[in-house]
C-alpha cells in the first residue's frame, strides 16, 4: 500500500472542503478522542467487589461495617449504600468477619452474587446451582477465617411439600480443619461464628439444631447444651481467679504497710481469706432528699440556700356540726326511708355531733437507684504475726557475752500493746475493715524460729574472732622478729665499731712507732733507705687513715667487702 498516495489524496480532499465541513470533521475527531480517553480511564481503573450486594440504608449500621472493615487495614468504597473492596478474596474474608460477628444487615443476602439466571435452565437445575453456589461460598467464607485451614460443607435441601407439617428441615454439616496449634474446643466464639455464617447463608429457616459442626476427628463442636457443664466449670475457675487476685492485692497492701513499719524480716506470716458472692444481684434503693427552694447566691462566703423537708401538694379540710334531732327525710309518701335502724332509734333524742376531717399531702425529693452488683466481697479474714526484736548482750566492758555452749547471748523484746494496736489499724485500713459484714483481723506477736539464722551469725562471729586472733598473733610474731632484728643490728654495729676502733688504735700505734723510729734515726743521723713499694704503701696508709677519719662508715663497709672477698 502506497501511504504517500493516500496522504496526498487526503490533502487534496482537505483543500476542496469548505470551512463548515472542516469544523464538523474536527468535532467528530475530538469527540472520538474524548470517548477513547474515557474508555481507557474506565478500563484502567481498579475493579471493586461488593462485600454485601444489598444496599445498607441504616447510616449507623453502615458506619459500623465500614469501621470494622477498616480495622483489617482494608480500603473501602461506598456507592449507593453498597460497600466495595479491592478484590473477591478480600470481599469473602470481610463477609466472613461481618457475619461471624453479627454485623451483617438483617435481610441481606451475602450470596446474591451467585445467582445465575438463564432462559433455558430448569427449576431443578436452578436449585442445584443455588445449592452449589451457597456451598462453595460458605466453604470459601469459612476458610477465610483466621483459625481455619480448610472446611467441608454439605447442605441437604428437601423438596417442598404441600403441607408444612410434612416439610423436612434443611440440614447442614460442616467439617472444620483447624490450622496447626489451634484447638477449636477452646474457641467457642469461632464455632458460634461459623454457625451464624451457615444460618445467614443457607436461609430457608434453617435452625441451629439442624447444623452439625465437627472437627477432623469427628468431635461435635457446636453441642452448646452439652458444654454447659464446661461453661460452669470455666465460670467457677474465673471466680476463683478473681478471688485469688483480690487476695493477692490485699496481701500486697498489708505487707507493704507492715513491712515499711516493722521491716520485712519481722513480718513473714500473713494469711488472708476473702469470701465473695459471685451471684448477680440487682439492688433497688430510694433516697429522699430535702426540696431546694432557693439556690446559694454565687460569690457569698456562706450558704444562703433555702431547703425544706417537703412541699404541700394538696390539702382537704371537712367539718360537720349539728345539734338536736335535725330533719330526717323519709322519702315520698308510702315509701320507707333510707335511715339505718341505729339512727332511727335516735330520731327523737336530742344530741350534738361535731366531725372534722383533714387530709394533708406532702411531696419530697425522691431518688431511685438501681444498680447491679457482681461480684461482692462478703467478708475478709486476716491473720498476721509480727516478730519482736532480738538484741545481743554485752558486758560492762562492751564485749559480747557467750553462753557455756559458746553461743552469743541474746535478749528478746516483744511488741507493746500500743504497737500491736497500731498494726491492727494498719491492717484494717488496708482491707477496708467493716465489722458489719463480719470482717476479722487478728494480729499476733510471738517469736519466729531463728535457730538457723542465729547459728549462722554465731559461726560468723566465731570465725571473725579466730581471724582476729590469728592476725593479732601474726602481728606480735612479726613485731618480735623486727625487734630481734633491730637488736641484732645494734649489737653487730657496736661490735663493728669496737673492732674498727681497735684497728685504728693499732694502726695509730704502728704509725707512731714508725714516726718515732724515723725521728730517732734522723737524730742519730742515720739514713734510712726506703723502697718505692714501702713509700707507696706508707702514702696509701696515710690516705686510708685520713679517709677513715673523714668517712668511717664507708671505710668500714669497704673493709668488710675485702674481708668477704678474702
Protein backbone atom coordinates (compact mmCIF):
# COMPACT_ATOMS: atom_id res chain seq x y z
CA UNK A 1 0.00 0.00 0.00
CA UNK A 2 1.32 3.43 -1.04
CA UNK A 3 0.83 5.63 2.05
CA UNK A 4 2.22 8.66 0.23
CA UNK A 5 -0.50 8.46 -2.41
CA UNK A 6 -3.19 8.11 0.28
CA UNK A 7 -1.78 11.07 2.20
CA UNK A 8 -1.80 13.20 -0.98
CA UNK A 9 -5.41 12.29 -1.67
CA UNK A 10 -6.37 13.33 1.89
CA UNK A 11 -4.58 16.67 1.40
CA UNK A 12 -6.46 17.25 -1.88
CA UNK A 13 -9.78 16.49 -0.23
CA UNK A 14 -8.93 18.76 2.70
CA UNK A 15 -8.23 21.64 0.29
CA UNK A 16 -11.54 21.08 -1.54
CA UNK A 17 -13.63 21.05 1.73
CA UNK A 18 -15.35 24.12 2.90
CA UNK A 19 -14.85 25.59 6.38
CA UNK A 20 -18.07 24.07 7.89
CA UNK A 21 -17.01 20.63 6.63
CA UNK A 22 -13.59 21.05 8.21
CA UNK A 23 -15.17 22.11 11.55
CA UNK A 24 -17.54 19.13 11.52
CA UNK A 25 -14.63 16.74 10.88
CA UNK A 26 -12.61 18.32 13.68
CA UNK A 27 -15.55 18.00 16.07
CA UNK A 28 -16.00 14.33 15.19
CA UNK A 29 -12.29 13.62 15.75
CA UNK A 30 -12.35 15.49 19.11
CA UNK A 31 -15.38 13.54 20.32
CA UNK A 32 -13.72 10.26 19.30
CA UNK A 33 -10.53 11.16 21.19
CA UNK A 34 -12.51 12.06 24.32
CA UNK A 35 -14.52 8.84 24.12
CA UNK A 36 -11.37 6.74 23.71
CA UNK A 37 -9.70 8.51 26.66
CA UNK A 38 -12.77 7.93 28.88
CA UNK A 39 -12.90 4.27 27.86
CA UNK A 40 -9.20 3.81 28.65
CA UNK A 41 -9.63 5.55 32.03
CA UNK A 42 -12.58 3.39 32.98
CA UNK A 43 -10.90 0.19 31.86
CA UNK A 44 -7.67 1.04 33.69
CA UNK A 45 -9.47 1.87 36.97
CA UNK A 46 -9.23 -0.91 39.58
CA UNK A 47 -12.33 -3.12 39.75
CA UNK A 48 -14.17 -3.18 43.08
CA UNK A 49 -16.11 -6.10 44.55
CA UNK A 50 -19.11 -5.62 46.84
CA UNK A 51 -18.87 -7.17 50.30
CA UNK A 52 -22.67 -7.46 50.52
CA UNK A 53 -24.69 -6.77 47.40
CA UNK A 54 -27.69 -5.47 49.35
CA UNK A 55 -27.74 -1.70 49.88
CA UNK A 56 -27.48 -0.67 53.55
CA UNK A 57 -29.89 2.15 54.35
CA UNK A 58 -29.13 2.44 58.07
CA UNK A 59 -26.34 5.02 58.40
CA UNK A 60 -25.29 3.77 61.85
CA UNK A 61 -25.02 0.19 60.70
CA UNK A 62 -23.16 1.28 57.56
CA UNK A 63 -20.64 3.21 59.70
CA UNK A 64 -20.13 0.18 61.95
CA UNK A 65 -19.47 -2.08 58.96
CA UNK A 66 -17.01 0.38 57.38
CA UNK A 67 -15.20 0.83 60.71
CA UNK A 68 -14.89 -2.93 61.22
CA UNK A 69 -13.55 -3.48 57.70
CA UNK A 70 -11.04 -0.64 58.04
CA UNK A 71 -9.76 -2.24 61.26
CA UNK A 72 -8.41 -5.00 59.00
CA UNK A 73 -6.45 -2.34 57.02
CA UNK A 74 -8.75 -2.75 54.01
CA UNK A 75 -9.73 0.25 51.91
CA UNK A 76 -13.46 0.62 51.21
CA UNK A 77 -15.65 2.49 48.79
CA UNK A 78 -19.36 3.12 49.32
CA UNK A 79 -21.71 3.64 46.40
CA UNK A 80 -25.47 3.69 46.86
CA UNK A 81 -25.24 2.07 50.29
CA UNK A 82 -23.14 -0.85 49.00
CA UNK A 83 -19.65 -1.34 50.46
CA UNK A 84 -16.95 -2.27 47.94
CA UNK A 85 -13.45 -3.62 48.50
CA UNK A 86 -10.49 -4.31 46.21
CA UNK A 87 -10.94 -7.95 45.16
CA UNK A 88 -13.09 -11.02 45.60
CA UNK A 89 -10.73 -12.70 48.11
CA UNK A 90 -10.82 -9.68 50.40
CA UNK A 91 -14.60 -9.45 50.00
CA UNK A 92 -15.05 -13.08 51.11
CA UNK A 93 -12.82 -12.52 54.13
CA UNK A 94 -14.64 -9.34 55.18
CA UNK A 95 -18.01 -11.02 54.58
CA UNK A 96 -16.98 -13.88 56.89
CA UNK A 97 -15.90 -11.46 59.60
CA UNK A 98 -19.11 -9.43 59.41
CA UNK A 99 -21.37 -12.47 59.53
CA UNK A 100 -19.41 -14.23 62.29
CA UNK A 101 -19.54 -11.09 64.45
CA UNK A 102 -23.22 -10.44 63.75
CA UNK A 103 -22.65 -7.18 61.84
CA UNK A 104 -24.28 -8.22 58.57
CA UNK A 105 -27.56 -6.33 57.98
CA UNK A 106 -30.75 -8.25 58.53
CA UNK A 107 -32.44 -9.42 55.33
CA UNK A 108 -29.23 -9.09 53.34
CA UNK A 109 -28.21 -11.99 51.14
CA UNK A 110 -24.41 -12.07 51.00
CA UNK A 111 -24.53 -14.78 48.33
CA UNK A 112 -26.81 -12.94 45.87
CA UNK A 113 -23.84 -12.64 43.51
CA UNK A 114 -24.00 -16.40 42.93
CA UNK A 115 -27.47 -16.38 41.45
CA UNK A 116 -27.41 -17.37 37.80
CA UNK A 117 -30.37 -16.79 35.51
CA UNK A 118 -30.89 -18.30 32.07
CA UNK A 119 -33.83 -18.77 29.73
CA UNK A 120 -33.06 -22.45 29.25
CA UNK A 121 -32.33 -23.51 32.83
CA UNK A 122 -34.96 -25.59 34.66
CA UNK A 123 -36.17 -25.12 38.22
CA UNK A 124 -34.36 -28.29 39.32
CA UNK A 125 -31.09 -27.10 37.79
CA UNK A 126 -31.61 -23.67 39.33
CA UNK A 127 -31.95 -25.22 42.79
CA UNK A 128 -28.89 -27.39 42.22
CA UNK A 129 -26.83 -24.37 41.11
CA UNK A 130 -28.07 -22.33 44.05
CA UNK A 131 -27.10 -25.05 46.50
CA UNK A 132 -23.70 -25.45 44.84
CA UNK A 133 -23.13 -21.72 44.90
CA UNK A 134 -24.10 -21.45 48.55
CA UNK A 135 -21.99 -24.47 49.49
CA UNK A 136 -18.96 -23.21 47.62
CA UNK A 137 -19.22 -19.72 49.02
CA UNK A 138 -19.79 -20.94 52.60
CA UNK A 139 -16.65 -23.06 52.21
CA UNK A 140 -14.64 -20.13 50.91
CA UNK A 141 -16.00 -17.86 53.64
CA UNK A 142 -15.14 -20.29 56.44
CA UNK A 143 -11.66 -20.88 55.01
CA UNK A 144 -11.12 -17.13 55.07
CA UNK A 145 -11.31 -17.20 58.88
CA UNK A 146 -8.01 -16.78 60.69
CA UNK A 147 -8.02 -20.10 62.59
CA UNK A 148 -9.46 -22.38 59.88
CA UNK A 149 -7.21 -24.14 57.39
CA UNK A 150 -9.92 -25.97 55.41
CA UNK A 151 -13.63 -26.78 55.58
CA UNK A 152 -16.05 -29.28 54.06
CA UNK A 153 -19.71 -28.20 53.82
CA UNK A 154 -22.70 -30.37 52.89
CA UNK A 155 -26.22 -28.95 52.58
CA UNK A 156 -29.36 -31.06 52.25
CA UNK A 157 -32.40 -29.15 50.98
CA UNK A 158 -35.52 -31.41 50.91
CA UNK A 159 -38.14 -30.83 48.29
CA UNK A 160 -41.02 -28.62 49.23
CA UNK A 161 -44.20 -30.45 50.27
CA UNK A 162 -47.80 -29.40 50.07
CA UNK A 163 -48.32 -29.36 53.82
CA UNK A 164 -45.94 -27.57 56.14
CA UNK A 165 -46.22 -30.29 58.76
CA UNK A 166 -44.75 -32.77 56.30
CA UNK A 167 -41.88 -30.46 55.31
CA UNK A 168 -38.47 -31.80 56.32
CA UNK A 169 -35.96 -29.23 57.62
CA UNK A 170 -32.83 -28.13 55.85
CA UNK A 171 -29.76 -29.77 57.39
CA UNK A 172 -26.14 -28.69 57.17
CA UNK A 173 -22.97 -30.49 58.16
CA UNK A 174 -19.63 -28.71 58.42
CA UNK A 175 -16.24 -30.33 58.99
CA UNK A 176 -13.57 -27.88 60.15
CA UNK A 177 -9.85 -28.50 59.80
CA UNK A 178 -8.02 -26.02 62.06
CA UNK A 179 -4.62 -24.55 61.47
CA UNK A 180 -1.65 -26.00 63.37
CA UNK A 181 -1.57 -25.35 67.14
CA UNK A 182 -5.24 -24.28 67.15
CA UNK A 183 -7.69 -26.08 69.46
CA UNK A 184 -11.24 -25.41 68.31
CA UNK A 185 -12.65 -26.87 71.55
CA UNK A 186 -11.26 -23.89 73.43
CA UNK A 187 -12.52 -21.31 70.91
CA UNK A 188 -16.26 -21.36 71.29
CA UNK A 189 -16.69 -17.99 69.63
CA UNK A 190 -15.21 -19.35 66.40
CA UNK A 191 -17.75 -22.18 66.35
CA UNK A 192 -20.59 -19.73 67.07
CA UNK A 193 -19.34 -17.52 64.24
CA UNK A 194 -19.27 -20.45 61.81
CA UNK A 195 -22.81 -21.39 62.85
CA UNK A 196 -24.00 -17.82 62.22
CA UNK A 197 -22.35 -17.87 58.79
CA UNK A 198 -24.21 -21.08 57.89
CA UNK A 199 -27.58 -19.81 59.17
CA UNK A 200 -27.21 -16.49 57.34
CA UNK A 201 -26.05 -18.12 54.10
CA UNK A 202 -28.45 -21.04 53.81
CA UNK A 203 -31.60 -19.19 54.88
CA UNK A 204 -34.85 -21.13 54.38
CA UNK A 205 -35.45 -21.03 58.11
CA UNK A 206 -32.55 -23.32 58.92
CA UNK A 207 -32.24 -23.78 62.69
CA UNK A 208 -29.19 -24.18 64.84
CA UNK A 209 -30.21 -27.67 65.97
CA UNK A 210 -30.10 -28.80 62.32
CA UNK A 211 -26.49 -27.74 61.90
CA UNK A 212 -23.71 -30.14 62.85
CA UNK A 213 -20.17 -28.78 63.12
CA UNK A 214 -17.38 -31.27 63.75
CA UNK A 215 -13.61 -31.23 63.66
CA UNK A 216 -11.46 -33.52 61.53
CA UNK A 217 -11.60 -36.13 64.31
CA UNK A 218 -15.41 -36.28 64.24
CA UNK A 219 -15.86 -34.47 67.57
CA UNK A 220 -19.05 -32.36 67.60
CA UNK A 221 -18.12 -28.75 68.29
CA UNK A 222 -21.48 -26.96 68.38
CA UNK A 223 -23.05 -29.06 71.14
CA UNK A 224 -23.53 -25.96 73.27
CA UNK A 225 -26.10 -27.62 75.52
CA UNK A 226 -23.61 -30.31 76.43
CA UNK A 227 -20.98 -27.65 77.04
CA UNK A 228 -22.92 -26.03 79.87
CA UNK A 229 -21.00 -28.03 82.43
CA UNK A 230 -17.76 -26.82 80.90
CA UNK A 231 -19.10 -23.28 80.94
CA UNK A 232 -19.98 -23.64 84.62
CA UNK A 233 -16.51 -25.00 85.32
CA UNK A 234 -14.94 -22.11 83.44
CA UNK A 235 -17.14 -19.70 85.39
CA UNK A 236 -16.02 -21.25 88.69
CA UNK A 237 -12.40 -21.01 87.59
CA UNK A 238 -12.84 -17.35 86.72
CA UNK A 239 -14.49 -16.70 90.08
CA UNK A 240 -11.62 -18.43 91.89
CA UNK A 241 -9.16 -16.39 89.84
CA UNK A 242 -10.94 -13.16 90.78
CA UNK A 243 -10.84 -14.12 94.45
CA UNK A 244 -7.16 -15.03 94.27
CA UNK A 245 -6.34 -11.76 92.53
CA UNK A 246 -8.27 -9.81 95.17
CA UNK A 247 -6.50 -11.69 97.96
CA UNK A 248 -3.13 -11.02 96.29
CA UNK A 249 -3.91 -7.31 96.11
CA UNK A 250 -4.93 -7.17 99.77
CA UNK A 251 -1.86 -9.21 100.74
CA UNK A 252 0.45 -6.82 98.88
CA UNK A 253 -1.18 -3.78 100.52
CA UNK A 254 -0.99 -5.29 104.01
CA UNK A 255 2.62 -6.47 103.66
CA UNK A 256 3.66 -3.10 102.25
CA UNK A 257 2.06 -1.26 105.18
CA UNK A 258 3.52 -3.58 107.85
CA UNK A 259 6.97 -4.13 106.37
CA UNK A 260 7.51 -0.40 105.95
CA UNK A 261 6.98 -0.01 109.69
CA UNK A 262 8.30 -3.28 111.17
CA UNK A 263 10.79 -4.41 108.43
CA UNK A 264 10.31 -7.32 106.04
CA UNK A 265 12.27 -9.75 108.26
CA UNK A 266 9.83 -9.36 111.14
CA UNK A 267 6.61 -9.68 109.09
CA UNK A 268 6.57 -13.05 107.35
CA UNK A 269 3.41 -14.97 108.16
CA UNK A 270 0.28 -13.49 106.56
CA UNK A 271 -2.91 -15.44 105.91
CA UNK A 272 -5.88 -13.86 104.17
CA UNK A 273 -9.21 -15.34 103.18
CA UNK A 274 -11.86 -13.47 101.22
CA UNK A 275 -15.39 -14.74 100.89
CA UNK A 276 -17.04 -13.34 97.77
CA UNK A 277 -20.60 -13.51 96.49
CA UNK A 278 -20.35 -14.15 92.75
CA UNK A 279 -24.11 -14.20 92.12
CA UNK A 280 -25.62 -11.48 90.01
CA UNK A 281 -27.84 -9.14 92.04
CA UNK A 282 -29.91 -6.14 91.09
CA UNK A 283 -30.32 -3.75 94.03
CA UNK A 284 -33.02 -1.06 94.03
CA UNK A 285 -32.99 1.70 96.62
CA UNK A 286 -34.79 5.00 97.16
CA UNK A 287 -33.24 8.10 98.72
CA UNK A 288 -35.31 11.03 100.00
CA UNK A 289 -33.75 14.48 99.99
CA UNK A 290 -34.96 17.95 101.05
CA UNK A 291 -36.61 20.20 98.47
CA UNK A 292 -34.43 23.08 97.28
CA UNK A 293 -36.39 26.37 97.38
CA UNK A 294 -33.51 28.76 96.71
CA UNK A 295 -30.03 28.04 95.42
CA UNK A 296 -26.96 29.53 97.06
CA UNK A 297 -26.11 33.00 95.83
CA UNK A 298 -22.87 32.88 93.82
CA UNK A 299 -19.97 34.71 95.47
CA UNK A 300 -21.31 34.64 99.03
CA UNK A 301 -18.93 33.24 101.66
CA UNK A 302 -21.80 31.47 103.38
CA UNK A 303 -24.63 29.22 102.30
CA UNK A 304 -27.88 31.18 101.95
CA UNK A 305 -29.76 28.43 100.15
CA UNK A 306 -33.24 27.53 101.39
CA UNK A 307 -34.30 23.91 101.78
CA UNK A 308 -37.49 22.49 103.22
CA UNK A 309 -38.16 18.86 104.13
CA UNK A 310 -41.22 18.69 101.87
CA UNK A 311 -43.80 20.68 99.91
CA UNK A 312 -47.58 20.58 100.28
CA UNK A 313 -49.20 19.48 97.05
CA UNK A 314 -52.81 19.15 98.27
CA UNK A 315 -54.87 19.68 101.41
CA UNK A 316 -58.51 18.85 102.12
CA UNK A 317 -60.48 20.01 105.19
CA UNK A 318 -64.01 18.85 106.05
CA UNK A 319 -66.10 19.89 109.13
CA UNK A 320 -69.63 18.73 110.13
CA UNK A 321 -71.61 20.10 113.13
CA UNK A 322 -75.32 19.54 114.00
CA UNK A 323 -77.47 19.72 117.13
CA UNK A 324 -80.92 18.29 118.02
CA UNK A 325 -82.81 15.70 116.10
CA UNK A 326 -82.47 17.59 112.82
CA UNK A 327 -84.54 16.89 109.75
CA UNK A 328 -84.77 13.26 108.76
CA UNK A 329 -86.37 12.85 105.31
CA UNK A 330 -88.37 9.72 104.87
CA UNK A 331 -88.83 9.93 101.14
CA UNK A 332 -92.14 10.04 99.24
CA UNK A 333 -95.40 9.09 100.87
CA UNK A 334 -95.77 5.38 101.26
CA UNK A 335 -92.06 4.69 100.74
CA UNK A 336 -89.79 3.50 103.56
CA UNK A 337 -86.89 5.87 104.25
CA UNK A 338 -83.19 5.00 103.95
CA UNK A 339 -82.24 5.84 107.50
CA UNK A 340 -80.39 2.99 109.21
CA UNK A 341 -82.17 1.39 112.16
CA UNK A 342 -79.49 2.62 114.59
CA UNK A 343 -80.22 6.23 113.67
CA UNK A 344 -83.99 5.64 113.62
CA UNK A 345 -83.92 4.79 117.27
CA UNK A 346 -82.26 8.15 117.94
CA UNK A 347 -84.62 10.31 115.89
CA UNK A 348 -86.49 11.91 118.78
CA UNK A 349 -83.47 12.21 121.05
CA UNK A 350 -81.62 15.49 121.50
CA UNK A 351 -77.85 15.39 120.77
CA UNK A 352 -74.81 17.20 119.36
CA UNK A 353 -72.35 15.88 116.70
CA UNK A 354 -69.08 17.51 115.61
CA UNK A 355 -66.91 15.85 112.89
CA UNK A 356 -63.64 17.24 111.43
CA UNK A 357 -61.58 15.65 108.63
CA UNK A 358 -58.25 16.95 107.34
CA UNK A 359 -56.15 15.40 104.55
CA UNK A 360 -52.64 16.79 104.01
CA UNK A 361 -50.37 15.52 101.19
CA UNK A 362 -46.65 16.31 101.19
CA UNK A 363 -44.07 15.64 98.48
CA UNK A 364 -40.33 15.07 98.90
CA UNK A 365 -37.38 14.74 96.55
CA UNK A 366 -37.15 11.03 95.83
CA UNK A 367 -34.14 9.47 94.09
CA UNK A 368 -34.46 5.89 92.91
CA UNK A 369 -31.24 3.96 92.34
CA UNK A 370 -30.98 0.64 90.57
CA UNK A 371 -27.56 -0.99 90.46
CA UNK A 372 -26.17 -4.36 89.54
CA UNK A 373 -23.66 -5.88 91.93
CA UNK A 374 -21.35 -8.68 90.91
CA UNK A 375 -19.10 -9.78 92.49
CA UNK A 376 -19.35 -8.58 96.08
CA UNK A 377 -16.99 -9.14 98.99
CA UNK A 378 -18.88 -10.81 101.81
CA UNK A 379 -16.14 -10.92 104.43
CA UNK A 380 -12.39 -10.64 104.82
CA UNK A 381 -10.34 -12.56 107.39
CA UNK A 382 -6.71 -11.66 108.01
CA UNK A 383 -4.20 -13.14 110.45
CA UNK A 384 -0.64 -11.86 110.66
CA UNK A 385 2.23 -12.43 113.05
CA UNK A 386 4.83 -9.76 113.78
CA UNK A 387 8.10 -10.77 115.41
CA UNK A 388 9.69 -8.75 118.20
CA UNK A 389 13.27 -7.54 118.25
CA UNK A 390 16.36 -9.53 119.21
CA UNK A 391 19.45 -7.81 120.71
CA UNK A 392 22.88 -9.18 121.68
CA UNK A 393 24.04 -8.92 125.29
CA UNK A 394 27.26 -7.09 126.22
CA UNK A 395 29.20 -6.97 129.49
CA UNK A 396 30.44 -3.87 131.34
CA UNK A 397 33.49 -3.65 129.06
CA UNK A 398 31.36 -3.68 125.91
CA UNK A 399 32.26 -7.23 124.89
CA UNK A 400 29.81 -9.83 123.63
CA UNK A 401 28.58 -12.30 126.20
CA UNK A 402 28.63 -16.01 125.34
CA UNK A 403 26.81 -18.99 126.79
CA UNK A 404 28.65 -22.08 128.06
CA UNK A 405 27.90 -23.65 124.68
CA UNK A 406 29.97 -20.84 123.12
CA UNK A 407 26.93 -19.11 121.61
CA UNK A 408 26.10 -15.42 121.68
CA UNK A 409 23.62 -14.46 124.38
CA UNK A 410 20.54 -12.66 123.01
CA UNK A 411 17.52 -10.97 124.53
CA UNK A 412 14.00 -10.92 123.01
CA UNK A 413 11.85 -7.79 123.27
CA UNK A 414 8.15 -8.29 122.36
CA UNK A 415 5.82 -5.64 120.93
CA UNK A 416 3.96 -3.50 123.40
CA UNK A 417 0.13 -3.21 123.24
CA UNK A 418 0.32 0.20 121.51
CA UNK A 419 2.38 -1.25 118.66
CA UNK A 420 0.00 -4.19 118.27
CA UNK A 421 -2.99 -1.83 118.16
CA UNK A 422 -1.27 0.34 115.56
CA UNK A 423 -0.50 -2.72 113.43
CA UNK A 424 -4.11 -3.85 113.63
CA UNK A 425 -5.30 -0.41 112.50
CA UNK A 426 -2.92 -0.61 109.53
CA UNK A 427 -4.35 -3.98 108.51
CA UNK A 428 -7.95 -2.81 108.94
CA UNK A 429 -7.27 0.22 106.78
CA UNK A 430 -5.70 -1.91 104.05
CA UNK A 431 -8.74 -4.23 103.77
CA UNK A 432 -11.39 -1.53 104.33
CA UNK A 433 -12.48 -3.24 107.53
CA UNK A 434 -16.24 -3.46 108.04
CA UNK A 435 -17.46 -5.13 111.21
CA UNK A 436 -20.98 -5.23 109.80
CA UNK A 437 -20.05 -7.73 107.11
CA UNK A 438 -18.14 -9.94 109.56
CA UNK A 439 -14.54 -8.94 108.84
CA UNK A 440 -11.92 -10.37 111.20
CA UNK A 441 -8.38 -9.11 111.81
CA UNK A 442 -6.02 -10.94 114.15
CA UNK A 443 -2.52 -9.52 114.78
CA UNK A 444 -0.28 -11.67 116.99
CA UNK A 445 3.22 -11.30 118.39
CA UNK A 446 5.31 -14.37 119.13
CA UNK A 447 8.96 -15.12 118.33
CA UNK A 448 9.81 -16.55 114.96
CA UNK A 449 12.14 -19.55 114.98
CA UNK A 450 15.52 -18.04 114.10
CA UNK A 451 17.73 -21.01 115.11
CA UNK A 452 19.34 -21.32 111.69
CA UNK A 453 19.85 -17.56 111.46
CA UNK A 454 21.44 -17.34 114.91
CA UNK A 455 23.69 -20.34 114.23
CA UNK A 456 24.91 -18.69 111.05
CA UNK A 457 25.51 -15.40 112.89
CA UNK A 458 27.36 -17.18 115.75
CA UNK A 459 29.51 -19.07 113.26
CA UNK A 460 30.36 -15.81 111.51
CA UNK A 461 31.22 -14.16 114.86
CA UNK A 462 33.43 -17.09 115.91
CA UNK A 463 35.15 -17.08 112.54
CA UNK A 464 35.74 -13.34 112.83
CA UNK A 465 37.20 -13.83 116.32
CA UNK A 466 39.51 -16.57 115.08
CA UNK A 467 40.65 -14.39 112.21
CA UNK A 468 41.19 -11.52 114.64
CA UNK A 469 43.22 -13.75 117.00
CA UNK A 470 45.29 -15.06 114.10
CA UNK A 471 46.00 -11.55 112.87
CA UNK A 472 46.99 -10.34 116.35
CA UNK A 473 49.29 -13.35 116.88
CA UNK A 474 50.86 -12.81 113.49
CA UNK A 475 51.40 -9.13 114.23
CA UNK A 476 53.01 -9.98 117.59
CA UNK A 477 55.34 -12.51 115.92
CA UNK A 478 56.30 -10.02 113.24
CA UNK A 479 56.94 -7.37 115.90
CA UNK A 480 59.18 -9.78 117.86
CA UNK A 481 61.13 -10.60 114.72
CA UNK A 482 61.53 -6.92 113.91
CA UNK A 483 62.70 -6.14 117.43
CA UNK A 484 65.17 -9.06 117.36
CA UNK A 485 66.49 -7.90 114.00
CA UNK A 486 66.93 -4.36 115.27
CA UNK A 487 68.72 -5.57 118.42
CA UNK A 488 70.94 -7.80 116.32
CA UNK A 489 71.78 -4.89 114.06
CA UNK A 490 72.57 -2.67 117.02
CA UNK A 491 74.83 -5.31 118.61
CA UNK A 492 76.56 -6.05 115.30
CA UNK A 493 77.12 -2.37 114.64
CA UNK A 494 78.54 -1.88 118.15
CA UNK A 495 80.90 -4.80 117.71
CA UNK A 496 81.96 -3.49 114.31
CA UNK A 497 82.64 -0.06 115.72
CA UNK A 498 84.66 -1.56 118.59
CA UNK A 499 86.67 -3.67 116.14
CA UNK A 500 87.26 -0.65 113.93
CA UNK A 501 88.40 1.39 116.88
CA UNK A 502 90.83 -1.35 117.85
CA UNK A 503 92.20 -1.50 114.31
CA UNK A 504 92.52 2.27 114.16
CA UNK A 505 94.24 2.31 117.52
CA UNK A 506 96.62 -0.42 116.41
CA UNK A 507 97.37 1.38 113.13
CA UNK A 508 97.85 4.61 115.01
CA UNK A 509 100.31 2.91 117.42
CA UNK A 510 102.20 1.40 114.48
CA UNK A 511 102.38 4.78 112.82
CA UNK A 512 103.61 6.39 115.97
CA UNK A 513 106.22 3.72 116.33
CA UNK A 514 107.38 4.33 112.74
CA UNK A 515 107.44 8.04 113.20
CA UNK A 516 109.32 7.73 116.45
CA UNK A 517 111.78 5.36 114.83
CA UNK A 518 112.34 7.75 111.92
CA UNK A 519 112.67 10.63 114.29
CA UNK A 520 115.30 8.80 116.34
CA UNK A 521 117.09 7.81 113.19
CA UNK A 522 117.20 11.38 111.96
CA UNK A 523 118.51 12.44 115.28
CA UNK A 524 121.25 9.86 115.09
CA UNK A 525 121.99 10.95 111.53
CA UNK A 526 121.29 7.64 110.03
CA UNK A 527 119.99 7.46 106.61
CA UNK A 528 117.14 5.10 106.19
CA UNK A 529 116.62 3.91 102.76
CA UNK A 530 113.05 3.00 101.83
CA UNK A 531 111.99 1.20 98.73
CA UNK A 532 109.44 2.57 96.31
CA UNK A 533 106.88 -0.04 97.44
CA UNK A 534 107.33 0.97 101.08
CA UNK A 535 106.91 4.64 100.27
CA UNK A 536 103.72 3.90 98.21
CA UNK A 537 102.41 1.69 100.95
CA UNK A 538 103.08 4.43 103.52
CA UNK A 539 101.30 7.05 101.44
CA UNK A 540 98.36 4.70 100.89
CA UNK A 541 98.16 4.02 104.63
CA UNK A 542 98.21 7.74 105.40
CA UNK A 543 95.42 8.35 102.85
CA UNK A 544 93.43 5.44 104.31
CA UNK A 545 93.81 6.82 107.81
CA UNK A 546 92.69 10.27 106.68
CA UNK A 547 89.75 8.77 104.78
CA UNK A 548 88.78 6.64 107.78
CA UNK A 549 88.70 9.69 109.95
CA UNK A 550 86.54 11.62 107.49
CA UNK A 551 84.23 8.75 106.37
CA UNK A 552 84.31 5.96 108.95
CA UNK A 553 81.10 4.25 107.65
CA UNK A 554 82.35 3.97 104.07
CA UNK A 555 85.72 2.66 105.17
CA UNK A 556 84.15 0.01 107.42
CA UNK A 557 81.94 -1.13 104.53
CA UNK A 558 84.98 -1.28 102.25
CA UNK A 559 86.97 -3.32 104.78
CA UNK A 560 84.01 -5.67 105.25
CA UNK A 561 83.86 -6.19 101.50
CA UNK A 562 87.58 -7.00 101.35
CA UNK A 563 87.25 -9.48 104.16
CA UNK A 564 84.35 -11.21 102.44
CA UNK A 565 86.37 -11.43 99.20
CA UNK A 566 89.37 -12.90 101.06
